């Protein structure tokens, strides 16, 4: 689940240290850059035939965020120890302070934790200071990596999202592999089937239709037996997390960019005429069809309102709807269906995503054992078990998405599989990689609140672009 919607002020303050830390990309410490060279990686020390028992007797320390995916991992750790002889000790923190804990630990230069969870966006913060091990050399070493790990089985857009050259504005999918995709979320529309049936509605195929449906539900649902129901739940708090789910997905489907990149220079593009018009329409949709206290809304309120039958629709992470839709989870369970959401003017279903990834501490003294753990945790056997017997949904591997048992489980949710298959190949990180990502998107969310409050979109977004040009450009 996307449990990262709280205020990031402490995180921003902590990662500011990263921006001031000298880059290690050119230091040749087994770090980054070239896809074909290990560049002195500890992976070079692993030779001979691949052996799961190579590090038998070693203990690996993991830092984990409280999450259903984590629950599935912990439940299966015994299998890893039986397979490798490696013991895993772990600490689990709620997300309210998880990234603070991780940032402090990595920036200290200690190796308190060998492996940890992180989001793909965090690679842009943790990669440049040299805190993350480049996993590319490990992946390319057949002595370190078993053939059954099957790199080609990952959805390529997910593997590429954790790969970067550490250069602001450079596209993902090039340079070092600083984490491995483990679980992810697409951003789609989920809706209450009862209210749609009662009001004769069909899922929106265009953004204009989505705005009309949201307004219609807010106007008519209370009189049709759905007391207090409003049209659409989307995030609105002053946080970077407000921008990345539904807003950025619809923004991208309209062919809009956050920055343009030319000659290595980033220029804010949130204030182009088309971007201004879209942002005005988004704020208008929220005013006419959204929740009354929208400016405080995080993923949690959006998800809860869908489950409590307060919201007729949700445009957010599919997991935010999934955990309300499963049997017995909420008053709306059994009445929630999934849809890819509106297409862009050219039919685009470009979708933004969040990826829970697993990374390795560049300072770890147990890299060989840590790589075996990462290999197992992202391998077919564990992830298939987690998807079928736990709630590790949205598989990062194609073989699991095609697995009959997985499909049989997810087919209980109307439209889930069809929606996943419709957007999976068009889902990627729609933002431009750069180290000021969290600061820039938090400012963007603040600008969206100002427009929602009645200020002119053009002047507000011109001001945002001017500020970001100084910080990012």
Protein backbone atom coordinates (compact mmCIF):
# COMPACT_ATOMS: atom_id res chain seq x y z
CA UNK A 1 0.00 0.00 0.00
CA UNK A 2 1.12 3.54 -0.68
CA UNK A 3 1.78 4.52 2.92
CA UNK A 4 3.82 7.61 2.20
CA UNK A 5 1.44 10.54 2.23
CA UNK A 6 2.47 12.24 5.43
CA UNK A 7 4.41 15.50 5.63
CA UNK A 8 8.01 15.04 4.53
CA UNK A 9 9.50 18.09 6.19
CA UNK A 10 11.80 16.06 8.39
CA UNK A 11 12.73 13.86 5.46
CA UNK A 12 13.55 16.92 3.35
CA UNK A 13 15.70 18.36 6.09
CA UNK A 14 17.58 15.14 6.51
CA UNK A 15 18.16 14.60 2.82
CA UNK A 16 19.42 18.16 2.44
CA UNK A 17 22.64 16.74 3.78
CA UNK A 18 22.73 14.45 0.80
CA UNK A 19 22.67 17.36 -1.60
CA UNK A 20 25.71 18.82 0.12
CA UNK A 21 27.63 15.58 0.09
CA UNK A 22 30.25 15.25 -2.66
CA UNK A 23 29.20 12.92 -5.44
CA UNK A 24 30.95 9.59 -5.61
CA UNK A 25 29.86 8.75 -9.11
CA UNK A 26 33.31 9.38 -10.48
CA UNK A 27 35.25 7.87 -7.60
CA UNK A 28 35.35 4.36 -8.99
CA UNK A 29 34.19 2.79 -5.74
CA UNK A 30 32.09 0.16 -7.44
CA UNK A 31 29.52 2.81 -8.03
CA UNK A 32 27.27 3.67 -10.90
CA UNK A 33 27.86 4.61 -14.45
CA UNK A 34 28.73 1.91 -16.88
CA UNK A 35 26.41 -0.98 -17.65
CA UNK A 36 29.23 -3.22 -18.81
CA UNK A 37 31.83 -2.70 -16.07
CA UNK A 38 31.73 -3.69 -12.44
CA UNK A 39 34.23 -0.90 -11.65
CA UNK A 40 35.78 -2.58 -8.64
CA UNK A 41 32.57 -3.94 -7.15
CA UNK A 42 32.67 -6.49 -4.33
CA UNK A 43 30.67 -8.65 -6.72
CA UNK A 44 33.98 -9.38 -8.49
CA UNK A 45 35.10 -11.33 -5.43
CA UNK A 46 32.40 -13.96 -5.99
CA UNK A 47 33.71 -16.70 -8.26
CA UNK A 48 32.97 -20.35 -9.04
CA UNK A 49 29.59 -21.99 -9.34
CA UNK A 50 26.55 -20.29 -7.93
CA UNK A 51 25.71 -21.64 -4.47
CA UNK A 52 22.80 -20.57 -2.22
CA UNK A 53 24.82 -21.91 0.74
CA UNK A 54 27.86 -19.76 -0.02
CA UNK A 55 27.33 -17.50 3.01
CA UNK A 56 25.93 -20.11 5.41
CA UNK A 57 26.18 -18.95 9.02
CA UNK A 58 26.08 -15.22 8.17
CA UNK A 59 23.50 -12.84 9.66
CA UNK A 60 22.03 -10.02 7.56
CA UNK A 61 20.33 -7.02 9.15
CA UNK A 62 17.27 -5.54 7.37
CA UNK A 63 15.38 -2.28 7.90
CA UNK A 64 11.73 -2.59 6.87
CA UNK A 65 8.70 -0.34 6.66
CA UNK A 66 5.42 -1.51 8.20
CA UNK A 67 3.44 -2.71 5.19
CA UNK A 68 1.41 -5.72 3.99
CA UNK A 69 4.32 -6.59 1.65
CA UNK A 70 6.60 -6.65 4.68
CA UNK A 71 4.20 -8.96 6.50
CA UNK A 72 4.41 -11.40 3.57
CA UNK A 73 8.22 -11.23 3.59
CA UNK A 74 8.56 -11.85 7.31
CA UNK A 75 6.13 -14.77 7.13
CA UNK A 76 8.41 -16.47 4.58
CA UNK A 77 11.85 -15.70 6.07
CA UNK A 78 12.14 -19.23 7.39
CA UNK A 79 12.24 -20.44 3.79
CA UNK A 80 15.20 -18.17 3.06
CA UNK A 81 17.15 -19.37 6.07
CA UNK A 82 16.47 -23.02 5.18
CA UNK A 83 17.62 -22.36 1.62
CA UNK A 84 20.80 -20.44 2.46
CA UNK A 85 21.75 -20.96 6.09
CA UNK A 86 21.66 -17.15 6.42
CA UNK A 87 19.79 -15.62 9.35
CA UNK A 88 17.90 -12.35 8.84
CA UNK A 89 17.44 -9.94 11.73
CA UNK A 90 15.11 -7.05 11.08
CA UNK A 91 13.57 -3.89 12.49
CA UNK A 92 10.18 -2.65 11.32
CA UNK A 93 9.17 1.00 11.61
CA UNK A 94 5.91 2.74 10.68
CA UNK A 95 6.29 5.03 7.72
CA UNK A 96 5.79 8.13 9.84
CA UNK A 97 9.42 7.76 10.86
CA UNK A 98 10.75 4.99 8.59
CA UNK A 99 12.51 7.22 6.07
CA UNK A 100 13.90 9.44 8.83
CA UNK A 101 15.45 6.34 10.36
CA UNK A 102 16.82 5.12 7.03
CA UNK A 103 18.18 8.54 6.03
CA UNK A 104 19.96 9.08 9.33
CA UNK A 105 21.47 5.61 9.22
CA UNK A 106 22.70 5.87 5.63
CA UNK A 107 24.07 9.39 6.07
CA UNK A 108 26.01 8.33 9.15
CA UNK A 109 28.18 6.04 7.06
CA UNK A 110 27.52 3.17 9.43
CA UNK A 111 26.42 -0.22 8.23
CA UNK A 112 23.71 -0.73 10.85
CA UNK A 113 21.52 -2.26 8.17
CA UNK A 114 22.74 -4.26 5.19
CA UNK A 115 19.48 -4.15 3.22
CA UNK A 116 16.37 -1.97 3.35
CA UNK A 117 13.15 -0.92 1.67
CA UNK A 118 13.06 2.30 -0.32
CA UNK A 119 10.96 3.96 -2.99
CA UNK A 120 12.35 4.43 -6.48
CA UNK A 121 12.20 8.23 -5.99
CA UNK A 122 14.60 7.85 -3.06
CA UNK A 123 17.31 6.65 -5.45
CA UNK A 124 17.48 10.29 -6.59
CA UNK A 125 18.32 11.30 -3.01
CA UNK A 126 20.37 8.37 -1.78
CA UNK A 127 22.22 7.56 -5.01
CA UNK A 128 24.32 10.71 -5.58
CA UNK A 129 25.95 10.70 -2.10
CA UNK A 130 27.08 7.11 -2.63
CA UNK A 131 24.84 5.46 -0.04
CA UNK A 132 23.46 2.76 -2.36
CA UNK A 133 25.31 -0.27 -3.70
CA UNK A 134 25.18 -0.57 -7.48
CA UNK A 135 23.55 -3.98 -7.92
CA UNK A 136 24.38 -4.18 -11.62
CA UNK A 137 27.69 -6.01 -11.14
CA UNK A 138 25.96 -8.53 -8.87
CA UNK A 139 23.23 -9.13 -11.43
CA UNK A 140 25.77 -9.68 -14.21
CA UNK A 141 27.95 -12.11 -12.24
CA UNK A 142 26.71 -15.66 -12.82
CA UNK A 143 28.70 -16.86 -9.82
CA UNK A 144 26.73 -14.50 -7.60
CA UNK A 145 23.34 -14.83 -9.28
CA UNK A 146 21.42 -18.01 -9.94
CA UNK A 147 20.02 -18.61 -13.42
CA UNK A 148 16.52 -19.06 -12.01
CA UNK A 149 16.45 -15.44 -10.77
CA UNK A 150 15.59 -14.63 -14.41
CA UNK A 151 16.13 -10.89 -14.82
CA UNK A 152 14.12 -10.89 -18.05
CA UNK A 153 11.01 -11.89 -16.09
CA UNK A 154 10.71 -8.43 -14.46
CA UNK A 155 8.48 -5.91 -16.15
CA UNK A 156 11.21 -3.83 -17.83
CA UNK A 157 9.67 -0.47 -16.88
CA UNK A 158 9.97 -1.42 -13.20
CA UNK A 159 13.58 -2.57 -13.36
CA UNK A 160 14.48 0.59 -15.31
CA UNK A 161 12.83 2.81 -12.69
CA UNK A 162 15.56 1.89 -10.17
CA UNK A 163 18.36 2.41 -12.71
CA UNK A 164 19.88 5.86 -13.11
CA UNK A 165 23.11 7.61 -14.15
CA UNK A 166 22.94 9.98 -11.12
CA UNK A 167 22.76 12.98 -13.47
CA UNK A 168 19.81 15.39 -13.00
CA UNK A 169 17.43 15.19 -15.93
CA UNK A 170 18.99 12.02 -17.35
CA UNK A 171 16.38 9.37 -18.20
CA UNK A 172 15.88 6.31 -16.04
CA UNK A 173 17.00 2.95 -17.36
CA UNK A 174 20.64 3.99 -17.77
CA UNK A 175 23.58 3.72 -15.38
CA UNK A 176 23.72 1.86 -12.09
CA UNK A 177 20.99 -0.42 -10.73
CA UNK A 178 20.54 1.09 -7.28
CA UNK A 179 17.60 -1.01 -6.11
CA UNK A 180 15.37 -3.86 -7.24
CA UNK A 181 11.59 -3.58 -7.73
CA UNK A 182 9.76 -5.62 -5.11
CA UNK A 183 6.16 -4.34 -5.05
CA UNK A 184 4.46 -1.49 -6.83
CA UNK A 185 1.23 0.44 -7.38
CA UNK A 186 -0.49 1.75 -10.46
CA UNK A 187 -2.74 4.82 -10.17
CA UNK A 188 -6.22 4.11 -11.52
CA UNK A 189 -9.89 4.80 -10.81
CA UNK A 190 -11.90 2.64 -8.40
CA UNK A 191 -15.63 3.23 -8.05
CA UNK A 192 -18.67 2.23 -6.05
CA UNK A 193 -20.76 -0.02 -8.29
CA UNK A 194 -23.97 0.59 -6.33
CA UNK A 195 -24.02 4.36 -6.87
CA UNK A 196 -22.97 4.00 -10.49
CA UNK A 197 -25.88 1.60 -11.09
CA UNK A 198 -28.37 3.76 -9.19
CA UNK A 199 -27.43 6.93 -11.10
CA UNK A 200 -26.95 5.20 -14.47
CA UNK A 201 -23.25 6.07 -14.71
CA UNK A 202 -20.41 4.43 -16.60
CA UNK A 203 -16.68 4.82 -15.85
CA UNK A 204 -15.18 7.90 -17.47
CA UNK A 205 -13.22 7.52 -20.69
CA UNK A 206 -12.20 11.21 -20.84
CA UNK A 207 -11.19 13.80 -18.25
CA UNK A 208 -14.29 15.87 -19.07
CA UNK A 209 -16.45 12.82 -18.32
CA UNK A 210 -14.62 12.23 -15.03
CA UNK A 211 -15.31 15.81 -13.91
CA UNK A 212 -18.98 15.49 -14.92
CA UNK A 213 -19.40 12.19 -13.05
CA UNK A 214 -17.73 13.56 -9.92
CA UNK A 215 -20.06 16.56 -9.93
CA UNK A 216 -23.13 14.41 -10.64
CA UNK A 217 -22.43 12.04 -7.75
CA UNK A 218 -21.92 14.90 -5.32
CA UNK A 219 -25.18 16.51 -6.44
CA UNK A 220 -27.41 13.45 -6.78
CA UNK A 221 -26.05 10.59 -4.66
CA UNK A 222 -27.28 11.93 -1.28
CA UNK A 223 -30.82 12.11 -2.65
CA UNK A 224 -30.56 8.61 -4.09
CA UNK A 225 -29.88 6.91 -0.76
CA UNK A 226 -26.14 7.53 -0.40
CA UNK A 227 -26.11 10.00 2.47
CA UNK A 228 -23.10 12.30 2.52
CA UNK A 229 -21.47 10.78 -0.55
CA UNK A 230 -19.26 13.03 -2.69
CA UNK A 231 -17.88 12.36 -6.17
CA UNK A 232 -14.17 11.66 -6.17
CA UNK A 233 -11.43 11.13 -3.57
CA UNK A 234 -8.01 12.50 -4.52
CA UNK A 235 -5.17 13.67 -2.29
CA UNK A 236 -4.88 17.33 -1.32
CA UNK A 237 -2.47 17.76 1.60
CA UNK A 238 0.59 19.97 1.27
CA UNK A 239 2.87 17.06 0.49
CA UNK A 240 4.78 15.74 -2.50
CA UNK A 241 2.52 12.67 -2.26
CA UNK A 242 -0.45 14.76 -3.41
CA UNK A 243 1.09 15.24 -6.84
CA UNK A 244 2.29 11.75 -7.76
CA UNK A 245 -0.88 9.56 -7.91
CA UNK A 246 -4.04 10.71 -9.75
CA UNK A 247 -2.88 14.24 -10.55
CA UNK A 248 0.42 13.23 -12.18
CA UNK A 249 -1.23 10.35 -14.00
CA UNK A 250 -3.88 12.57 -15.62
CA UNK A 251 -1.24 15.29 -16.19
CA UNK A 252 0.92 12.80 -18.11
CA UNK A 253 -2.06 11.45 -20.08
CA UNK A 254 -2.51 15.00 -21.33
CA UNK A 255 1.06 14.92 -22.64
CA UNK A 256 2.33 17.38 -20.01
CA UNK A 257 5.81 17.44 -18.44
CA UNK A 258 7.15 18.65 -15.09
CA UNK A 259 10.42 19.84 -16.63
CA UNK A 260 11.93 20.08 -20.06
CA UNK A 261 15.59 19.09 -20.35
CA UNK A 262 17.97 20.63 -22.85
CA UNK A 263 21.73 20.45 -22.68
CA UNK A 264 21.52 19.09 -19.13
CA UNK A 265 19.51 22.11 -17.93
CA UNK A 266 16.05 21.56 -16.41
CA UNK A 267 13.34 24.14 -17.11
CA UNK A 268 10.05 23.98 -15.14
CA UNK A 269 7.09 23.32 -17.42
CA UNK A 270 4.18 23.47 -14.93
CA UNK A 271 3.21 26.90 -16.25
CA UNK A 272 2.76 26.21 -19.96
CA UNK A 273 -0.70 27.25 -21.24
CA UNK A 274 -1.85 23.60 -21.45
CA UNK A 275 -0.52 22.81 -17.97
CA UNK A 276 -2.28 25.85 -16.53
CA UNK A 277 -5.57 24.86 -18.17
CA UNK A 278 -5.30 21.28 -16.92
CA UNK A 279 -4.48 22.38 -13.37
CA UNK A 280 -7.47 24.74 -13.33
CA UNK A 281 -9.72 21.87 -14.46
CA UNK A 282 -8.30 19.52 -11.80
CA UNK A 283 -8.87 22.06 -9.03
CA UNK A 284 -12.36 22.70 -10.42
CA UNK A 285 -13.14 18.97 -10.33
CA UNK A 286 -12.15 18.82 -6.67
CA UNK A 287 -14.21 21.89 -5.77
CA UNK A 288 -17.31 20.56 -7.52
CA UNK A 289 -16.99 16.85 -6.78
CA UNK A 290 -14.34 16.33 -4.11
CA UNK A 291 -14.38 16.10 -0.31
CA UNK A 292 -15.15 19.22 1.77
CA UNK A 293 -11.81 19.17 3.63
CA UNK A 294 -9.71 18.27 0.62
CA UNK A 295 -6.58 20.21 1.63
CA UNK A 296 -5.97 17.75 4.47
CA UNK A 297 -6.51 14.63 2.40
CA UNK A 298 -3.82 11.94 2.23
CA UNK A 299 -4.08 8.43 0.77
CA UNK A 300 -5.54 7.28 4.06
CA UNK A 301 -8.61 9.56 3.94
CA UNK A 302 -9.13 8.77 0.23
CA UNK A 303 -8.99 5.05 0.81
CA UNK A 304 -11.13 5.17 3.95
CA UNK A 305 -13.82 7.28 2.27
CA UNK A 306 -14.14 4.80 -0.58
CA UNK A 307 -14.49 1.96 1.90
CA UNK A 308 -16.97 3.88 4.06
CA UNK A 309 -19.16 4.72 1.03
CA UNK A 310 -18.39 8.42 1.46
CA UNK A 311 -16.67 8.65 -1.94
CA UNK A 312 -18.22 7.46 -5.20
CA UNK A 313 -14.81 7.22 -6.89
CA UNK A 314 -11.12 7.20 -6.01
CA UNK A 315 -8.28 8.18 -8.37
CA UNK A 316 -5.21 6.87 -6.55
CA UNK A 317 -3.11 3.77 -6.03
CA UNK A 318 -4.91 0.55 -6.89
CA UNK A 319 -3.78 -0.83 -3.54
CA UNK A 320 -5.63 1.99 -1.71
CA UNK A 321 -8.83 0.59 -3.21
CA UNK A 322 -7.80 -3.08 -3.01
CA UNK A 323 -7.53 -3.06 0.77
CA UNK A 324 -11.08 -1.65 1.00
CA UNK A 325 -12.47 -3.98 -1.67
CA UNK A 326 -11.48 -7.39 -0.33
CA UNK A 327 -14.20 -9.36 1.43
CA UNK A 328 -15.04 -8.07 4.88
CA UNK A 329 -12.57 -5.19 4.76
CA UNK A 330 -15.06 -2.31 4.68
CA UNK A 331 -18.77 -1.44 4.28
CA UNK A 332 -18.10 -1.07 0.53
CA UNK A 333 -16.30 -4.42 0.05
CA UNK A 334 -17.92 -6.35 -2.76
CA UNK A 335 -19.15 -3.06 -4.25
CA UNK A 336 -15.85 -1.68 -5.56
CA UNK A 337 -14.74 -2.07 -9.18
CA UNK A 338 -11.57 -0.97 -10.99
CA UNK A 339 -11.10 0.98 -14.24
CA UNK A 340 -7.96 2.40 -15.93
CA UNK A 341 -9.43 5.90 -15.68
CA UNK A 342 -9.77 8.59 -18.35
CA UNK A 343 -7.59 8.48 -21.44
CA UNK A 344 -5.68 11.52 -22.62
CA UNK A 345 -6.75 13.44 -25.74
CA UNK A 346 -4.66 11.11 -27.90
CA UNK A 347 -5.89 7.97 -26.12
CA UNK A 348 -2.91 7.80 -23.77
CA UNK A 349 -3.10 5.69 -20.61
CA UNK A 350 0.28 6.92 -19.36
CA UNK A 351 0.27 6.19 -15.63
CA UNK A 352 2.56 7.22 -12.82
CA UNK A 353 3.64 4.67 -10.22
CA UNK A 354 5.15 4.08 -6.82
CA UNK A 355 7.61 1.20 -6.44
CA UNK A 356 8.59 -0.36 -3.16
CA UNK A 357 12.12 -1.49 -3.87
CA UNK A 358 14.89 -3.26 -1.99
CA UNK A 359 18.38 -1.83 -1.81
CA UNK A 360 21.77 -2.61 -0.31
CA UNK A 361 23.87 -0.34 1.91
CA UNK A 362 27.07 0.60 0.05
CA UNK A 363 28.86 0.38 3.42
CA UNK A 364 27.63 -3.14 4.21
CA UNK A 365 30.34 -5.60 5.25
CA UNK A 366 28.14 -8.52 4.23
CA UNK A 367 27.40 -7.74 0.61
CA UNK A 368 27.56 -11.31 -0.67
CA UNK A 369 24.99 -12.54 1.87
CA UNK A 370 22.91 -9.38 1.36
CA UNK A 371 22.78 -10.02 -2.38
CA UNK A 372 21.55 -13.56 -1.78
CA UNK A 373 18.76 -12.09 0.36
CA UNK A 374 17.79 -9.52 -2.28
CA UNK A 375 17.89 -12.22 -4.92
CA UNK A 376 15.58 -14.46 -2.93
CA UNK A 377 13.18 -11.65 -1.90
CA UNK A 378 12.72 -10.56 -5.52
CA UNK A 379 12.73 -14.10 -6.89
CA UNK A 380 9.81 -15.99 -8.40
CA UNK A 381 9.27 -18.49 -5.59
CA UNK A 382 8.87 -16.00 -2.75
CA UNK A 383 6.92 -13.39 -4.72
CA UNK A 384 4.45 -15.96 -6.09
CA UNK A 385 3.82 -17.31 -2.60
CA UNK A 386 3.36 -13.76 -1.28
CA UNK A 387 0.94 -12.86 -4.05
CA UNK A 388 -1.26 -15.92 -3.59
CA UNK A 389 -1.20 -16.48 0.15
CA UNK A 390 -0.72 -12.85 1.27
CA UNK A 391 -1.54 -9.40 -0.09
CA UNK A 392 1.56 -8.74 -2.15
CA UNK A 393 -0.45 -7.63 -5.19
CA UNK A 394 0.66 -5.83 -8.38
CA UNK A 395 3.45 -8.32 -9.19
CA UNK A 396 6.76 -6.98 -10.46
CA UNK A 397 7.30 -10.20 -12.43
CA UNK A 398 5.49 -11.14 -15.64
CA UNK A 399 5.32 -14.82 -14.73
CA UNK A 400 3.33 -14.03 -11.56
CA UNK A 401 0.97 -11.64 -13.37
CA UNK A 402 0.24 -14.53 -15.77
CA UNK A 403 -0.05 -17.19 -13.07
CA UNK A 404 -3.47 -18.89 -12.99
CA UNK A 405 -3.70 -19.00 -9.19
CA UNK A 406 -2.88 -15.29 -8.93
CA UNK A 407 -5.44 -14.39 -11.57
CA UNK A 408 -8.05 -16.58 -9.92
CA UNK A 409 -7.52 -14.74 -6.63
CA UNK A 410 -7.66 -11.26 -8.16
CA UNK A 411 -10.62 -12.00 -10.45
CA UNK A 412 -12.82 -11.70 -7.36
CA UNK A 413 -12.36 -7.94 -7.70
CA UNK A 414 -14.30 -6.62 -10.73
CA UNK A 415 -12.01 -5.03 -13.30
CA UNK A 416 -8.76 -5.44 -11.33
CA UNK A 417 -6.97 -7.78 -13.73
CA UNK A 418 -8.33 -5.99 -16.82
CA UNK A 419 -7.21 -2.62 -15.44
CA UNK A 420 -3.75 -3.92 -14.49
CA UNK A 421 -3.24 -5.40 -17.95
CA UNK A 422 -4.48 -2.21 -19.66
CA UNK A 423 -2.00 0.10 -17.92
CA UNK A 424 1.00 -2.07 -17.03
CA UNK A 425 2.99 -1.36 -20.18
CA UNK A 426 2.22 2.38 -20.03
CA UNK A 427 3.04 2.76 -16.36
CA UNK A 428 6.35 4.35 -15.45
CA UNK A 429 7.74 7.17 -13.34
CA UNK A 430 6.43 10.24 -15.15
CA UNK A 431 8.64 12.71 -13.25
CA UNK A 432 12.04 13.97 -14.37
CA UNK A 433 14.74 12.48 -12.11
CA UNK A 434 16.47 15.14 -10.03
CA UNK A 435 17.66 15.47 -6.45
CA UNK A 436 15.19 18.26 -5.52
CA UNK A 437 12.19 16.04 -6.33
CA UNK A 438 10.57 16.09 -2.88
CA UNK A 439 11.03 19.82 -2.40
CA UNK A 440 9.73 20.60 -5.90
CA UNK A 441 6.62 18.43 -5.66
CA UNK A 442 5.79 19.70 -2.17
CA UNK A 443 5.87 23.25 -3.60
CA UNK A 444 3.71 22.03 -6.48
CA UNK A 445 1.12 20.67 -4.01
CA UNK A 446 1.13 24.02 -2.22
CA UNK A 447 0.47 25.79 -5.53
CA UNK A 448 -2.43 23.41 -6.22
CA UNK A 449 -3.95 24.31 -2.86
CA UNK A 450 -3.68 28.02 -3.68
CA UNK A 451 -5.48 27.51 -6.99
CA UNK A 452 -8.15 25.45 -5.24
CA UNK A 453 -8.51 28.36 -2.80
CA UNK A 454 -9.32 30.76 -5.62
CA UNK A 455 -6.01 32.27 -6.73
CA UNK A 456 -5.33 32.50 -10.47
CA UNK A 457 -3.70 29.36 -11.84
CA UNK A 458 -1.51 31.26 -14.30
CA UNK A 459 0.12 33.55 -11.75
CA UNK A 460 0.48 30.81 -9.14
CA UNK A 461 2.16 28.41 -11.55
CA UNK A 462 4.38 31.17 -12.96
CA UNK A 463 5.55 31.79 -9.41
CA UNK A 464 6.15 28.07 -8.85
CA UNK A 465 8.13 27.75 -12.06
CA UNK A 466 10.24 30.79 -11.18
CA UNK A 467 11.11 29.41 -7.76
CA UNK A 468 11.97 25.96 -9.11
CA UNK A 469 14.09 27.39 -11.93
CA UNK A 470 16.45 28.75 -9.29
CA UNK A 471 16.48 25.55 -7.21
CA UNK A 472 16.50 22.85 -9.88
CA UNK A 473 17.67 24.47 -13.11
